[in-house]
Amino acid sequence: MFTKVIVRFLKKRIVLAVIFCVSLLYCLSSLINEGAFGNETSDSIKRISLPPSSFKWHEEKDKNSSATISCRNSVQGKVLVADDRGYVCQRSEVASTGCCIVESPNTKRYCCDTCQPNGCCSIYEYCISCCMQPQKIALLQKIMGKASETFKMLVASITDHFELCLTKCRTSSESVHHENSYRDPSAKHCYADEPPGQSRTTKSHVLKE
């Protein structure tokens, strides 16, 4: 009787040991595979070319009637809207095509109102309009060329100048100090790579290249 108890005990220990070994091998295998995947992902990120070959930069063209074309726009503004031609206008002055009505006296193109010399603006729609200036292309190309890995992954899905400006002008980590407070609450929308607060200028500026 005593011998049977010992045999059962040993069998249980052997089974537990086998289970432990199998679990350990599985964990080690998972860690190795994860490391290989991480390296592959990192290499893929480094190979991302910005801007992508299919990327389309904005070109300044003659003013087209807002009724004959369709536009994408910034959508979210309660007061202002910026469209993909670089115009900014009152929400009430957006045509059914999504374009700002260029004939309106309040509609402006490539408007940098509320923007500071460091490329940060207090109003999102003005940031987009300013960012859409063809003269800003060289600056944006430079920014994309030295983008962080996280930004590279984000920008890789962007197809054109307008989408880039939408993304850049949204509040980002560059605008935040100590995670929960803005470096400059009055200018938190930035198309440039210089964080808010670098410029001591507090007045609104119209940027000229």
N, C-alpha and C. Protein backbone atom coordinates (compact mmCIF):
# COMPACT_ATOMS: atom_id res chain seq x y z
N MET A 1 0.83 -1.20 0.00
CA MET A 1 0.00 0.00 0.00
C MET A 1 0.86 1.26 0.00
N PHE A 2 1.87 1.22 0.85
CA PHE A 2 2.78 2.35 0.96
C PHE A 2 3.53 2.55 -0.35
N THR A 3 3.91 1.45 -0.99
CA THR A 3 4.64 1.52 -2.26
C THR A 3 3.79 2.17 -3.35
N LYS A 4 2.50 1.83 -3.38
CA LYS A 4 1.60 2.40 -4.38
C LYS A 4 1.47 3.92 -4.21
N VAL A 5 1.43 4.35 -2.96
CA VAL A 5 1.33 5.79 -2.69
C VAL A 5 2.55 6.52 -3.22
N ILE A 6 3.73 5.90 -2.98
CA ILE A 6 4.98 6.52 -3.45
C ILE A 6 4.99 6.59 -4.97
N VAL A 7 4.56 5.51 -5.62
CA VAL A 7 4.53 5.47 -7.09
C VAL A 7 3.61 6.55 -7.64
N ARG A 8 2.43 6.70 -7.04
CA ARG A 8 1.48 7.73 -7.48
C ARG A 8 2.07 9.13 -7.30
N PHE A 9 2.73 9.31 -6.18
CA PHE A 9 3.35 10.61 -5.89
C PHE A 9 4.41 10.94 -6.93
N LEU A 10 5.25 9.94 -7.25
CA LEU A 10 6.31 10.16 -8.23
C LEU A 10 5.74 10.44 -9.62
N LYS A 11 4.65 9.74 -9.96
CA LYS A 11 4.02 9.95 -11.26
C LYS A 11 3.50 11.38 -11.38
N LYS A 12 2.89 11.87 -10.29
CA LYS A 12 2.38 13.25 -10.30
C LYS A 12 3.52 14.25 -10.48
N ARG A 13 4.64 13.98 -9.78
CA ARG A 13 5.78 14.89 -9.90
C ARG A 13 6.34 14.89 -11.32
N ILE A 14 6.37 13.71 -11.93
CA ILE A 14 6.88 13.61 -13.30
C ILE A 14 5.97 14.37 -14.27
N VAL A 15 4.66 14.18 -14.09
CA VAL A 15 3.71 14.88 -14.96
C VAL A 15 3.85 16.40 -14.81
N LEU A 16 3.96 16.85 -13.57
CA LEU A 16 4.13 18.28 -13.33
C LEU A 16 5.42 18.81 -13.94
N ALA A 17 6.48 18.01 -13.84
CA ALA A 17 7.76 18.41 -14.40
C ALA A 17 7.68 18.53 -15.92
N VAL A 18 6.98 17.56 -16.53
CA VAL A 18 6.82 17.60 -17.99
C VAL A 18 6.03 18.84 -18.41
N ILE A 19 4.94 19.11 -17.69
CA ILE A 19 4.13 20.29 -17.99
C ILE A 19 4.95 21.57 -17.85
N PHE A 20 5.75 21.64 -16.80
CA PHE A 20 6.59 22.81 -16.57
C PHE A 20 7.59 23.01 -17.71
N CYS A 21 8.23 21.91 -18.13
CA CYS A 21 9.22 21.99 -19.20
C CYS A 21 8.59 22.44 -20.52
N VAL A 22 7.42 21.88 -20.82
CA VAL A 22 6.73 22.26 -22.05
C VAL A 22 6.36 23.75 -22.02
N SER A 23 5.86 24.21 -20.87
CA SER A 23 5.48 25.62 -20.74
C SER A 23 6.69 26.54 -20.89
N LEU A 24 7.81 26.12 -20.30
CA LEU A 24 9.03 26.91 -20.39
C LEU A 24 9.51 27.01 -21.83
N LEU A 25 9.49 25.88 -22.54
CA LEU A 25 9.92 25.88 -23.93
C LEU A 25 9.02 26.77 -24.79
N TYR A 26 7.73 26.74 -24.50
CA TYR A 26 6.77 27.56 -25.26
C TYR A 26 7.05 29.06 -25.04
N CYS A 27 7.30 29.42 -23.79
CA CYS A 27 7.60 30.83 -23.47
C CYS A 27 8.87 31.30 -24.16
N LEU A 28 9.91 30.46 -24.12
CA LEU A 28 11.17 30.82 -24.77
C LEU A 28 10.99 30.98 -26.27
N SER A 29 10.23 30.07 -26.86
CA SER A 29 9.97 30.14 -28.30
C SER A 29 9.22 31.42 -28.67
N SER A 30 8.24 31.79 -27.84
CA SER A 30 7.45 33.00 -28.10
C SER A 30 8.32 34.25 -28.02
N LEU A 31 9.21 34.28 -27.02
CA LEU A 31 10.09 35.43 -26.86
C LEU A 31 11.04 35.59 -28.04
N ILE A 32 11.56 34.47 -28.51
CA ILE A 32 12.48 34.50 -29.65
C ILE A 32 11.78 35.00 -30.90
N ASN A 33 10.56 34.47 -31.14
CA ASN A 33 9.80 34.89 -32.32
C ASN A 33 9.41 36.35 -32.25
N GLU A 34 9.05 36.81 -31.04
CA GLU A 34 8.67 38.21 -30.86
C GLU A 34 9.84 39.13 -31.14
N GLY A 35 11.03 38.72 -30.70
CA GLY A 35 12.22 39.51 -30.95
C GLY A 35 12.53 39.61 -32.43
N ALA A 36 12.35 38.50 -33.14
CA ALA A 36 12.59 38.49 -34.58
C ALA A 36 11.59 39.39 -35.29
N PHE A 37 10.33 39.33 -34.83
CA PHE A 37 9.28 40.17 -35.44
C PHE A 37 9.56 41.64 -35.18
N GLY A 38 10.02 41.95 -33.96
CA GLY A 38 10.31 43.33 -33.61
C GLY A 38 11.42 43.90 -34.47
N ASN A 39 12.48 43.09 -34.71
CA ASN A 39 13.57 43.54 -35.55
C ASN A 39 13.11 43.75 -36.98
N GLU A 40 12.24 42.84 -37.45
CA GLU A 40 11.72 42.96 -38.81
C GLU A 40 10.89 44.22 -38.97
N THR A 41 10.06 44.50 -37.94
CA THR A 41 9.23 45.71 -37.97
C THR A 41 10.09 46.96 -37.97
N SER A 42 11.13 46.95 -37.11
CA SER A 42 12.03 48.10 -37.03
C SER A 42 12.72 48.34 -38.37
N ASP A 43 13.17 47.25 -39.01
CA ASP A 43 13.82 47.38 -40.32
C ASP A 43 12.85 47.92 -41.36
N SER A 44 11.59 47.47 -41.26
CA SER A 44 10.57 47.94 -42.22
C SER A 44 10.34 49.43 -42.06
N ILE A 45 10.30 49.89 -40.80
CA ILE A 45 10.10 51.32 -40.53
C ILE A 45 11.25 52.12 -41.11
N LYS A 46 12.47 51.63 -40.93
CA LYS A 46 13.64 52.35 -41.43
C LYS A 46 13.63 52.43 -42.95
N ARG A 47 13.00 51.42 -43.60
CA ARG A 47 12.97 51.40 -45.06
C ARG A 47 11.88 52.30 -45.63
N ILE A 48 10.98 52.81 -44.76
CA ILE A 48 9.90 53.67 -45.25
C ILE A 48 10.50 54.96 -45.82
N SER A 49 10.16 55.24 -47.04
CA SER A 49 10.65 56.45 -47.69
C SER A 49 9.59 57.54 -47.61
N LEU A 50 9.96 58.69 -47.06
CA LEU A 50 9.02 59.79 -46.93
C LEU A 50 9.50 61.00 -47.73
N PRO A 51 8.60 61.63 -48.48
CA PRO A 51 7.22 61.17 -48.68
C PRO A 51 7.16 59.98 -49.61
N PRO A 52 6.08 59.19 -49.58
CA PRO A 52 5.93 58.05 -50.49
C PRO A 52 5.96 58.53 -51.93
N SER A 53 6.31 57.64 -52.86
CA SER A 53 6.42 58.03 -54.26
C SER A 53 5.10 58.53 -54.84
N SER A 54 3.99 58.07 -54.28
CA SER A 54 2.67 58.47 -54.78
C SER A 54 2.16 59.77 -54.14
N PHE A 55 2.95 60.33 -53.24
CA PHE A 55 2.52 61.53 -52.50
C PHE A 55 2.35 62.71 -53.45
N LYS A 56 1.27 63.48 -53.27
CA LYS A 56 0.99 64.62 -54.13
C LYS A 56 1.09 65.93 -53.34
N TRP A 57 1.98 66.79 -53.79
CA TRP A 57 2.11 68.10 -53.17
C TRP A 57 1.13 69.07 -53.82
N HIS A 58 0.68 70.02 -53.03
CA HIS A 58 -0.28 71.02 -53.51
C HIS A 58 0.39 71.99 -54.46
N GLU A 59 -0.29 72.31 -55.55
CA GLU A 59 0.20 73.30 -56.50
C GLU A 59 -0.77 74.46 -56.56
N GLU A 60 -0.22 75.65 -56.54
CA GLU A 60 -1.08 76.83 -56.62
C GLU A 60 -1.61 76.98 -58.03
N LYS A 61 -2.93 76.98 -58.14
CA LYS A 61 -3.56 77.10 -59.46
C LYS A 61 -4.47 78.32 -59.48
N ASP A 62 -4.98 78.62 -60.66
CA ASP A 62 -5.92 79.75 -60.77
C ASP A 62 -7.14 79.47 -59.91
N LYS A 63 -7.75 80.51 -59.43
CA LYS A 63 -8.94 80.36 -58.62
C LYS A 63 -10.06 79.73 -59.45
N ASN A 64 -10.54 78.58 -58.99
CA ASN A 64 -11.64 77.92 -59.69
C ASN A 64 -12.94 78.23 -58.97
N SER A 65 -14.02 78.27 -59.70
CA SER A 65 -15.32 78.47 -59.08
C SER A 65 -15.61 77.31 -58.14
N SER A 66 -16.06 77.62 -56.94
CA SER A 66 -16.33 76.60 -55.94
C SER A 66 -17.48 75.68 -56.35
N ALA A 67 -18.23 76.07 -57.37
CA ALA A 67 -19.39 75.28 -57.78
C ALA A 67 -19.03 74.21 -58.80
N THR A 68 -17.83 74.28 -59.39
CA THR A 68 -17.48 73.35 -60.46
C THR A 68 -16.55 72.23 -60.03
N ILE A 69 -16.05 72.29 -58.82
CA ILE A 69 -15.16 71.24 -58.32
C ILE A 69 -15.62 70.79 -56.94
N SER A 70 -15.05 69.72 -56.46
CA SER A 70 -15.35 69.27 -55.09
C SER A 70 -14.08 69.35 -54.26
N CYS A 71 -14.24 69.56 -52.98
CA CYS A 71 -13.09 69.72 -52.08
C CYS A 71 -13.26 68.85 -50.84
N ARG A 72 -12.12 68.48 -50.30
CA ARG A 72 -12.10 67.96 -48.94
C ARG A 72 -11.88 69.15 -48.02
N ASN A 73 -12.35 69.05 -46.81
CA ASN A 73 -12.10 70.15 -45.88
C ASN A 73 -11.91 69.63 -44.46
N SER A 74 -11.60 70.55 -43.56
CA SER A 74 -11.26 70.18 -42.19
C SER A 74 -12.45 69.73 -41.36
N VAL A 75 -13.64 69.93 -41.83
CA VAL A 75 -14.89 69.38 -41.28
C VAL A 75 -15.23 69.86 -39.87
N GLN A 76 -14.30 69.67 -38.92
CA GLN A 76 -14.65 69.73 -37.51
C GLN A 76 -14.92 71.12 -36.94
N GLY A 77 -14.42 72.17 -37.58
CA GLY A 77 -14.54 73.51 -37.01
C GLY A 77 -15.97 74.00 -36.90
N LYS A 78 -16.31 74.58 -35.77
CA LYS A 78 -17.66 75.13 -35.59
C LYS A 78 -17.81 76.49 -36.27
N VAL A 79 -16.70 77.22 -36.38
CA VAL A 79 -16.74 78.56 -36.95
C VAL A 79 -16.04 78.62 -38.30
N LEU A 80 -14.83 78.05 -38.37
CA LEU A 80 -14.01 78.11 -39.58
C LEU A 80 -13.84 76.74 -40.21
N VAL A 81 -13.56 76.75 -41.52
CA VAL A 81 -13.28 75.52 -42.27
C VAL A 81 -12.13 75.82 -43.22
N ALA A 82 -11.19 74.88 -43.34
CA ALA A 82 -10.10 75.00 -44.31
C ALA A 82 -10.27 73.91 -45.35
N ASP A 83 -10.11 74.27 -46.64
CA ASP A 83 -10.27 73.24 -47.67
C ASP A 83 -8.92 72.85 -48.27
N ASP A 84 -8.96 71.86 -49.17
CA ASP A 84 -7.70 71.30 -49.69
C ASP A 84 -7.05 72.15 -50.77
N ARG A 85 -7.57 73.35 -51.02
CA ARG A 85 -6.92 74.29 -51.93
C ARG A 85 -6.16 75.36 -51.16
N GLY A 86 -6.24 75.30 -49.83
CA GLY A 86 -5.55 76.29 -49.00
C GLY A 86 -6.42 77.44 -48.55
N TYR A 87 -7.70 77.38 -48.89
CA TYR A 87 -8.63 78.44 -48.48
C TYR A 87 -9.17 78.17 -47.08
N VAL A 88 -9.43 79.25 -46.35
CA VAL A 88 -10.09 79.16 -45.05
C VAL A 88 -11.26 80.14 -45.07
N CYS A 89 -12.39 79.71 -44.52
CA CYS A 89 -13.59 80.55 -44.59
C CYS A 89 -14.52 80.24 -43.42
N GLN A 90 -15.53 81.06 -43.29
CA GLN A 90 -16.57 80.81 -42.29
C GLN A 90 -17.33 79.54 -42.68
N ARG A 91 -17.77 78.78 -41.70
CA ARG A 91 -18.52 77.56 -42.00
C ARG A 91 -19.75 77.87 -42.85
N SER A 92 -20.35 79.02 -42.65
CA SER A 92 -21.54 79.39 -43.41
C SER A 92 -21.22 79.70 -44.87
N GLU A 93 -19.91 79.80 -45.20
CA GLU A 93 -19.50 80.14 -46.55
C GLU A 93 -18.84 78.97 -47.26
N VAL A 94 -19.24 77.76 -46.88
CA VAL A 94 -18.76 76.55 -47.54
C VAL A 94 -19.83 76.10 -48.53
N ALA A 95 -19.43 75.89 -49.78
CA ALA A 95 -20.38 75.46 -50.81
C ALA A 95 -20.77 74.00 -50.61
N SER A 96 -21.79 73.56 -51.33
CA SER A 96 -22.23 72.16 -51.23
C SER A 96 -21.17 71.19 -51.71
N THR A 97 -20.19 71.71 -52.45
CA THR A 97 -19.09 70.89 -52.95
C THR A 97 -18.03 70.63 -51.89
N GLY A 98 -18.15 71.31 -50.74
CA GLY A 98 -17.15 71.19 -49.68
C GLY A 98 -16.07 72.24 -49.76
N CYS A 99 -16.12 73.08 -50.79
CA CYS A 99 -15.11 74.12 -51.00
C CYS A 99 -15.53 75.43 -50.34
N CYS A 100 -14.54 76.18 -49.88
CA CYS A 100 -14.82 77.55 -49.45
C CYS A 100 -15.22 78.37 -50.67
N ILE A 101 -16.19 79.23 -50.52
CA ILE A 101 -16.64 80.09 -51.62
C ILE A 101 -15.62 81.21 -51.80
N VAL A 102 -14.85 81.13 -52.87
CA VAL A 102 -13.74 82.08 -53.05
C VAL A 102 -14.23 83.50 -53.31
N GLU A 103 -15.44 83.63 -53.79
CA GLU A 103 -15.97 84.96 -54.07
C GLU A 103 -16.34 85.72 -52.79
N SER A 104 -16.43 85.02 -51.68
CA SER A 104 -16.78 85.67 -50.42
C SER A 104 -15.64 86.57 -49.95
N PRO A 105 -15.95 87.79 -49.50
CA PRO A 105 -14.90 88.70 -49.04
C PRO A 105 -14.17 88.21 -47.80
N ASN A 106 -14.77 87.27 -47.07
CA ASN A 106 -14.14 86.76 -45.85
C ASN A 106 -13.24 85.55 -46.09
N THR A 107 -13.30 84.99 -47.30
CA THR A 107 -12.49 83.82 -47.62
C THR A 107 -11.05 84.24 -47.90
N LYS A 108 -10.11 83.55 -47.29
CA LYS A 108 -8.69 83.86 -47.48
C LYS A 108 -7.95 82.59 -47.91
N ARG A 109 -6.86 82.79 -48.63
CA ARG A 109 -6.05 81.65 -49.06
C ARG A 109 -4.66 81.74 -48.43
N TYR A 110 -4.14 80.59 -48.01
CA TYR A 110 -2.83 80.51 -47.37
C TYR A 110 -2.73 81.51 -46.23
N CYS A 111 -3.75 81.53 -45.42
CA CYS A 111 -3.84 82.51 -44.33
C CYS A 111 -3.11 82.02 -43.09
N CYS A 112 -2.23 82.85 -42.56
CA CYS A 112 -1.43 82.49 -41.39
C CYS A 112 -1.81 83.31 -40.16
N ASP A 113 -3.03 83.79 -40.12
CA ASP A 113 -3.49 84.52 -38.94
C ASP A 113 -3.36 83.63 -37.70
N THR A 114 -2.97 84.21 -36.60
CA THR A 114 -2.74 83.56 -35.30
C THR A 114 -1.52 82.64 -35.29
N CYS A 115 -0.75 82.60 -36.38
CA CYS A 115 0.43 81.73 -36.43
C CYS A 115 1.69 82.50 -36.04
N GLN A 116 2.57 81.82 -35.33
CA GLN A 116 3.82 82.41 -34.88
C GLN A 116 4.96 82.02 -35.82
N PRO A 117 6.11 82.69 -35.72
CA PRO A 117 7.24 82.37 -36.60
C PRO A 117 7.72 80.92 -36.50
N ASN A 118 7.46 80.25 -35.37
CA ASN A 118 7.91 78.87 -35.23
C ASN A 118 6.96 77.87 -35.88
N GLY A 119 5.91 78.36 -36.55
CA GLY A 119 4.99 77.47 -37.25
C GLY A 119 3.87 76.94 -36.40
N CYS A 120 3.63 77.53 -35.24
CA CYS A 120 2.55 77.11 -34.35
C CYS A 120 1.46 78.18 -34.34
N CYS A 121 0.22 77.72 -34.40
CA CYS A 121 -0.92 78.63 -34.51
C CYS A 121 -1.93 78.34 -33.40
N SER A 122 -2.72 79.32 -33.08
CA SER A 122 -3.72 79.13 -32.04
C SER A 122 -5.03 78.58 -32.60
N ILE A 123 -5.22 78.69 -33.91
CA ILE A 123 -6.46 78.20 -34.54
C ILE A 123 -6.11 77.13 -35.58
N TYR A 124 -6.73 75.99 -35.43
CA TYR A 124 -6.45 74.81 -36.26
C TYR A 124 -6.59 75.10 -37.76
N GLU A 125 -7.67 75.75 -38.16
CA GLU A 125 -7.93 75.99 -39.58
C GLU A 125 -6.90 76.94 -40.20
N TYR A 126 -6.44 77.92 -39.45
CA TYR A 126 -5.39 78.80 -39.96
C TYR A 126 -4.07 78.05 -40.09
N CYS A 127 -3.83 77.13 -39.19
CA CYS A 127 -2.62 76.30 -39.28
C CYS A 127 -2.63 75.50 -40.58
N ILE A 128 -3.77 74.92 -40.91
CA ILE A 128 -3.89 74.13 -42.15
C ILE A 128 -3.68 75.02 -43.37
N SER A 129 -4.36 76.16 -43.40
CA SER A 129 -4.27 77.07 -44.54
C SER A 129 -2.83 77.56 -44.74
N CYS A 130 -2.17 77.89 -43.65
CA CYS A 130 -0.78 78.35 -43.71
C CYS A 130 0.15 77.23 -44.19
N CYS A 131 -0.09 76.03 -43.68
CA CYS A 131 0.71 74.86 -44.04
C CYS A 131 0.58 74.52 -45.52
N MET A 132 -0.56 74.88 -46.13
CA MET A 132 -0.81 74.55 -47.53
C MET A 132 -0.07 75.44 -48.51
N GLN A 133 0.59 76.48 -48.03
CA GLN A 133 1.36 77.35 -48.93
C GLN A 133 2.39 76.52 -49.70
N PRO A 134 2.46 76.67 -51.02
CA PRO A 134 3.49 75.95 -51.78
C PRO A 134 4.90 76.25 -51.28
N GLN A 135 5.09 77.47 -50.74
CA GLN A 135 6.41 77.84 -50.22
C GLN A 135 6.80 77.02 -48.99
N LYS A 136 5.84 76.34 -48.38
CA LYS A 136 6.13 75.54 -47.18
C LYS A 136 6.56 74.12 -47.53
N ILE A 137 6.53 73.75 -48.81
CA ILE A 137 6.83 72.38 -49.20
C ILE A 137 8.24 71.96 -48.78
N ALA A 138 9.22 72.84 -49.01
CA ALA A 138 10.61 72.50 -48.65
C ALA A 138 10.73 72.23 -47.15
N LEU A 139 10.06 73.05 -46.34
CA LEU A 139 10.08 72.85 -44.88
C LEU A 139 9.44 71.52 -44.50
N LEU A 140 8.31 71.21 -45.10
CA LEU A 140 7.61 69.96 -44.78
C LEU A 140 8.41 68.75 -45.23
N GLN A 141 9.08 68.86 -46.37
CA GLN A 141 9.93 67.76 -46.84
C GLN A 141 11.08 67.51 -45.86
N LYS A 142 11.63 68.58 -45.33
CA LYS A 142 12.71 68.46 -44.35
C LYS A 142 12.20 67.78 -43.08
N ILE A 143 11.01 68.17 -42.64
CA ILE A 143 10.41 67.57 -41.44
C ILE A 143 10.17 66.08 -41.65
N MET A 144 9.64 65.72 -42.80
CA MET A 144 9.36 64.32 -43.10
C MET A 144 10.63 63.50 -43.19
N GLY A 145 11.70 64.14 -43.67
CA GLY A 145 12.97 63.44 -43.81
C GLY A 145 13.60 63.03 -42.50
N LYS A 146 13.31 63.77 -41.43
CA LYS A 146 13.90 63.44 -40.13
C LYS A 146 12.82 63.04 -39.12
N ALA A 147 11.71 62.51 -39.63
CA ALA A 147 10.59 62.13 -38.77
C ALA A 147 10.95 60.96 -37.86
N SER A 148 10.31 60.90 -36.70
CA SER A 148 10.49 59.78 -35.78
C SER A 148 9.85 58.54 -36.38
N GLU A 149 10.19 57.37 -35.83
CA GLU A 149 9.64 56.13 -36.35
C GLU A 149 8.12 56.10 -36.24
N THR A 150 7.59 56.63 -35.13
CA THR A 150 6.13 56.66 -34.95
C THR A 150 5.48 57.52 -36.01
N PHE A 151 6.08 58.68 -36.27
CA PHE A 151 5.50 59.58 -37.27
C PHE A 151 5.63 59.00 -38.67
N LYS A 152 6.72 58.27 -38.92
CA LYS A 152 6.90 57.64 -40.22
C LYS A 152 5.77 56.65 -40.50
N MET A 153 5.42 55.87 -39.48
CA MET A 153 4.34 54.91 -39.65
C MET A 153 3.02 55.62 -39.94
N LEU A 154 2.81 56.75 -39.28
CA LEU A 154 1.58 57.51 -39.47
C LEU A 154 1.55 58.14 -40.86
N VAL A 155 2.65 58.78 -41.24
CA VAL A 155 2.70 59.50 -42.51
C VAL A 155 2.70 58.56 -43.71
N ALA A 156 3.14 57.33 -43.51
CA ALA A 156 3.18 56.37 -44.61
C ALA A 156 1.81 56.15 -45.23
N SER A 157 0.75 56.40 -44.46
CA SER A 157 -0.61 56.20 -44.97
C SER A 157 -1.21 57.49 -45.54
N ILE A 158 -0.47 58.58 -45.45
CA ILE A 158 -0.96 59.88 -45.94
C ILE A 158 -0.65 60.00 -47.43
N THR A 159 -1.59 60.52 -48.20
CA THR A 159 -1.44 60.53 -49.65
C THR A 159 -1.08 61.88 -50.25
N ASP A 160 -1.33 62.97 -49.52
CA ASP A 160 -1.05 64.26 -50.13
C ASP A 160 -0.80 65.36 -49.11
N HIS A 161 -0.49 66.53 -49.64
CA HIS A 161 -0.14 67.72 -48.86
C HIS A 161 -1.23 68.08 -47.86
N PHE A 162 -2.48 68.04 -48.29
CA PHE A 162 -3.59 68.43 -47.41
C PHE A 162 -3.70 67.49 -46.22
N GLU A 163 -3.61 66.19 -46.45
CA GLU A 163 -3.69 65.23 -45.35
C GLU A 163 -2.53 65.41 -44.39
N LEU A 164 -1.35 65.75 -44.92
CA LEU A 164 -0.19 65.99 -44.07
C LEU A 164 -0.44 67.19 -43.17
N CYS A 165 -0.99 68.26 -43.72
CA CYS A 165 -1.27 69.46 -42.92
C CYS A 165 -2.34 69.19 -41.87
N LEU A 166 -3.36 68.41 -42.23
CA LEU A 166 -4.37 68.04 -41.24
C LEU A 166 -3.73 67.32 -40.06
N THR A 167 -2.82 66.40 -40.38
CA THR A 167 -2.16 65.60 -39.34
C THR A 167 -1.21 66.44 -38.51
N LYS A 168 -0.37 67.24 -39.17
CA LYS A 168 0.61 68.04 -38.46
C LYS A 168 -0.04 69.08 -37.55
N CYS A 169 -1.14 69.66 -38.00
CA CYS A 169 -1.75 70.75 -37.24
C CYS A 169 -2.58 70.28 -36.06
N ARG A 170 -2.91 69.00 -36.02
CA ARG A 170 -3.60 68.50 -34.83
C ARG A 170 -2.64 68.57 -33.65
N THR A 171 -3.17 68.73 -32.47
CA THR A 171 -2.33 68.78 -31.28
C THR A 171 -1.52 67.51 -31.17
N SER A 172 -0.21 67.63 -31.00
CA SER A 172 0.67 66.48 -30.93
C SER A 172 1.52 66.55 -29.67
N SER A 173 2.38 65.55 -29.49
CA SER A 173 3.26 65.52 -28.32
C SER A 173 4.22 66.70 -28.31
N GLU A 174 4.50 67.27 -29.51
CA GLU A 174 5.38 68.43 -29.57
C GLU A 174 4.77 69.63 -28.85
N SER A 175 3.44 69.63 -28.73
CA SER A 175 2.75 70.77 -28.11
C SER A 175 2.61 70.63 -26.61
N VAL A 176 2.96 69.45 -26.08
CA VAL A 176 2.67 69.15 -24.69
C VAL A 176 3.93 69.15 -23.84
N HIS A 177 3.82 69.71 -22.65
CA HIS A 177 4.92 69.76 -21.69
C HIS A 177 4.51 68.96 -20.46
N HIS A 178 5.33 68.02 -20.03
CA HIS A 178 5.01 67.17 -18.88
C HIS A 178 3.69 66.42 -19.06
N GLU A 179 3.42 66.01 -20.30
CA GLU A 179 2.32 65.12 -20.67
C GLU A 179 0.92 65.72 -20.56
N ASN A 180 0.68 66.63 -19.63
CA ASN A 180 -0.70 67.07 -19.42
C ASN A 180 -0.88 68.58 -19.47
N SER A 181 0.13 69.32 -19.89
CA SER A 181 -0.03 70.76 -20.00
C SER A 181 0.65 71.24 -21.28
N TYR A 182 0.07 72.23 -21.94
CA TYR A 182 0.61 72.74 -23.18
C TYR A 182 1.80 73.66 -22.92
N ARG A 183 2.80 73.57 -23.80
CA ARG A 183 3.94 74.47 -23.71
C ARG A 183 3.47 75.91 -23.92
N ASP A 184 2.57 76.08 -24.87
CA ASP A 184 1.99 77.39 -25.14
C ASP A 184 0.52 77.18 -25.49
N PRO A 185 -0.38 77.31 -24.52
CA PRO A 185 -1.81 77.07 -24.77
C PRO A 185 -2.40 77.94 -25.86
N SER A 186 -1.76 79.07 -26.15
CA SER A 186 -2.30 79.97 -27.16
C SER A 186 -1.88 79.59 -28.58
N ALA A 187 -0.96 78.64 -28.71
CA ALA A 187 -0.49 78.23 -30.04
C ALA A 187 -0.12 76.75 -30.01
N LYS A 188 -1.13 75.90 -30.00
CA LYS A 188 -0.89 74.46 -29.84
C LYS A 188 -1.03 73.66 -31.13
N HIS A 189 -1.32 74.34 -32.25
CA HIS A 189 -1.45 73.66 -33.53
C HIS A 189 -0.23 73.99 -34.39
N CYS A 190 0.61 73.00 -34.65
CA CYS A 190 1.90 73.26 -35.30
C CYS A 190 2.07 72.44 -36.57
N TYR A 191 2.45 73.11 -37.66
CA TYR A 191 2.80 72.38 -38.88
C TYR A 191 4.31 72.20 -38.99
N ALA A 192 5.07 72.99 -38.23
CA ALA A 192 6.53 72.88 -38.24
C ALA A 192 6.97 71.94 -37.12
N ASP A 193 8.27 71.66 -37.08
CA ASP A 193 8.77 70.71 -36.09
C ASP A 193 9.36 71.38 -34.87
N GLU A 194 9.31 72.71 -34.81
CA GLU A 194 9.80 73.42 -33.62
C GLU A 194 8.66 73.50 -32.61
N PRO A 195 8.84 72.95 -31.41
CA PRO A 195 7.75 72.92 -30.43
C PRO A 195 7.28 74.30 -30.04
N PRO A 196 6.02 74.42 -29.64
CA PRO A 196 5.51 75.70 -29.15
C PRO A 196 6.31 76.18 -27.96
N GLY A 197 6.42 77.47 -27.81
CA GLY A 197 7.16 78.01 -26.68
C GLY A 197 8.58 78.39 -27.03
N GLN A 198 9.05 78.00 -28.24
CA GLN A 198 10.40 78.35 -28.65
C GLN A 198 10.49 79.82 -29.01
N SER A 199 9.38 80.37 -29.47
CA SER A 199 9.36 81.79 -29.82
C SER A 199 8.72 82.58 -28.69
N ARG A 200 9.31 83.69 -28.35
CA ARG A 200 8.76 84.53 -27.29
C ARG A 200 7.73 85.51 -27.83
N THR A 201 7.55 85.50 -29.14
CA THR A 201 6.59 86.43 -29.73
C THR A 201 5.19 86.03 -29.36
N THR A 202 4.42 86.94 -28.86
CA THR A 202 3.06 86.61 -28.42
C THR A 202 2.00 87.15 -29.36
N LYS A 203 2.39 88.01 -30.29
CA LYS A 203 1.43 88.57 -31.21
C LYS A 203 1.19 87.60 -32.35
N SER A 204 0.09 87.79 -33.06
CA SER A 204 -0.22 87.00 -34.24
C SER A 204 0.63 87.50 -35.39
N HIS A 205 1.01 86.56 -36.26
CA HIS A 205 1.86 86.93 -37.39
C HIS A 205 1.32 86.32 -38.67
N VAL A 206 1.58 86.99 -39.75
CA VAL A 206 1.38 86.39 -41.06
C VAL A 206 2.75 85.99 -41.55
N LEU A 207 2.98 84.66 -41.71
CA LEU A 207 4.29 84.16 -42.06
C LEU A 207 4.58 84.44 -43.53
N LYS A 208 5.75 84.90 -43.78
CA LYS A 208 6.17 85.14 -45.16
C LYS A 208 7.47 84.41 -45.40
N GLU A 209 7.46 83.63 -46.43
CA GLU A 209 8.67 82.88 -46.76
C GLU A 209 9.60 83.76 -47.60
